């Protein structure tokens, strides 16, 4: 006889798995970082930017096009200083072009 299958939510699965919990935490932190510096980014540019991965090298921002990437690279030192003032030690901000599907 088979044991009954147990159903659980995605949140429960994430909480029960250390790697998934860590990934979820990094995704949340990346979104929080972008929200923290949103006001420093020109309003017309904001829709073209999405939070990206956080790793040992720093934080990555994903942008829709090369013009947005160029402007964001210009703003990176300002964004990095603002994040440090809020308690995040950001070694570097990388910008990658990734078109939305």
Protein backbone atom coordinates (compact mmCIF):
# COMPACT_ATOMS: atom_id res chain seq x y z
CA UNK A 1 0.00 0.00 0.00
CA UNK A 2 1.30 3.42 -0.92
CA UNK A 3 1.58 6.20 1.60
CA UNK A 4 -0.87 9.03 0.92
CA UNK A 5 0.62 11.94 -0.96
CA UNK A 6 1.10 15.04 1.06
CA UNK A 7 0.33 18.36 -0.57
CA UNK A 8 2.01 21.58 0.43
CA UNK A 9 2.34 25.13 -0.80
CA UNK A 10 5.25 26.61 -2.66
CA UNK A 11 6.09 28.69 0.42
CA UNK A 12 6.26 25.53 2.51
CA UNK A 13 8.53 23.84 -0.03
CA UNK A 14 10.85 26.85 -0.03
CA UNK A 15 10.91 26.98 3.76
CA UNK A 16 11.76 23.26 3.93
CA UNK A 17 14.72 23.57 1.55
CA UNK A 18 17.79 25.53 2.62
CA UNK A 19 18.95 26.27 -0.97
CA UNK A 20 15.49 27.45 -2.02
CA UNK A 21 15.13 29.54 1.14
CA UNK A 22 18.49 31.22 0.41
CA UNK A 23 17.48 31.88 -3.20
CA UNK A 24 14.16 33.33 -2.07
CA UNK A 25 15.97 35.58 0.38
CA UNK A 26 18.35 36.85 -2.33
CA UNK A 27 15.46 37.55 -4.72
CA UNK A 28 13.67 39.51 -2.00
CA UNK A 29 16.83 41.45 -1.10
CA UNK A 30 17.49 42.33 -4.75
CA UNK A 31 13.97 43.77 -5.05
CA UNK A 32 14.44 45.69 -1.80
CA UNK A 33 17.71 47.17 -3.08
CA UNK A 34 16.06 48.38 -6.27
CA UNK A 35 13.19 49.89 -4.29
CA UNK A 36 15.71 51.67 -2.05
CA UNK A 37 17.39 53.45 -4.98
CA UNK A 38 14.34 53.88 -7.22
CA UNK A 39 14.07 57.61 -6.53
CA UNK A 40 17.65 58.16 -7.74
CA UNK A 41 16.80 56.74 -11.18
CA UNK A 42 15.10 59.06 -13.68
CA UNK A 43 11.38 58.24 -13.89
CA UNK A 44 11.35 57.44 -17.63
CA UNK A 45 14.16 54.91 -17.09
CA UNK A 46 12.56 53.01 -14.18
CA UNK A 47 10.28 50.70 -16.24
CA UNK A 48 13.32 49.42 -18.17
CA UNK A 49 15.12 48.17 -15.01
CA UNK A 50 14.61 44.95 -13.09
CA UNK A 51 16.46 43.58 -10.06
CA UNK A 52 18.98 40.86 -10.89
CA UNK A 53 21.13 38.39 -9.00
CA UNK A 54 23.25 39.11 -5.95
CA UNK A 55 26.54 37.24 -5.64
CA UNK A 56 30.07 37.59 -4.29
CA UNK A 57 30.99 40.10 -7.00
CA UNK A 58 28.09 42.43 -6.25
CA UNK A 59 24.59 43.14 -7.46
CA UNK A 60 23.32 42.95 -11.02
CA UNK A 61 20.61 45.09 -12.58
CA UNK A 62 18.85 43.89 -15.72
CA UNK A 63 17.86 46.47 -18.32
CA UNK A 64 15.88 46.35 -21.56
CA UNK A 65 18.26 48.17 -23.89
CA UNK A 66 21.73 49.63 -24.34
CA UNK A 67 20.62 53.24 -23.77
CA UNK A 68 19.20 52.32 -20.36
CA UNK A 69 22.34 50.34 -19.58
CA UNK A 70 24.59 53.29 -20.40
CA UNK A 71 22.63 55.67 -18.18
CA UNK A 72 22.49 53.16 -15.35
CA UNK A 73 26.25 52.55 -15.52
CA UNK A 74 26.69 56.29 -15.20
CA UNK A 75 24.47 56.29 -12.08
CA UNK A 76 26.06 53.18 -10.52
CA UNK A 77 28.43 55.01 -8.11
CA UNK A 78 25.52 57.10 -6.79
CA UNK A 79 23.33 54.01 -6.37
CA UNK A 80 26.15 52.13 -4.66
CA UNK A 81 26.71 54.98 -2.18
CA UNK A 82 22.98 55.15 -1.42
CA UNK A 83 22.87 51.40 -0.76
CA UNK A 84 25.88 51.62 1.55
CA UNK A 85 24.15 54.42 3.47
CA UNK A 86 21.23 52.05 3.99
CA UNK A 87 23.44 49.27 5.34
CA UNK A 88 24.05 47.13 2.24
CA UNK A 89 27.70 46.49 1.47
CA UNK A 90 27.58 46.41 -2.34
CA UNK A 91 31.00 45.62 -3.79
CA UNK A 92 29.90 46.54 -7.33
CA UNK A 93 26.82 47.12 -9.44
CA UNK A 94 26.79 45.30 -12.74
CA UNK A 95 24.38 46.14 -15.55
CA UNK A 96 23.29 43.55 -18.08
CA UNK A 97 21.01 43.96 -21.05
CA UNK A 98 18.24 41.38 -21.02
CA UNK A 99 15.21 41.99 -23.18
CA UNK A 100 11.87 41.02 -21.74
CA UNK A 101 10.09 38.10 -23.32
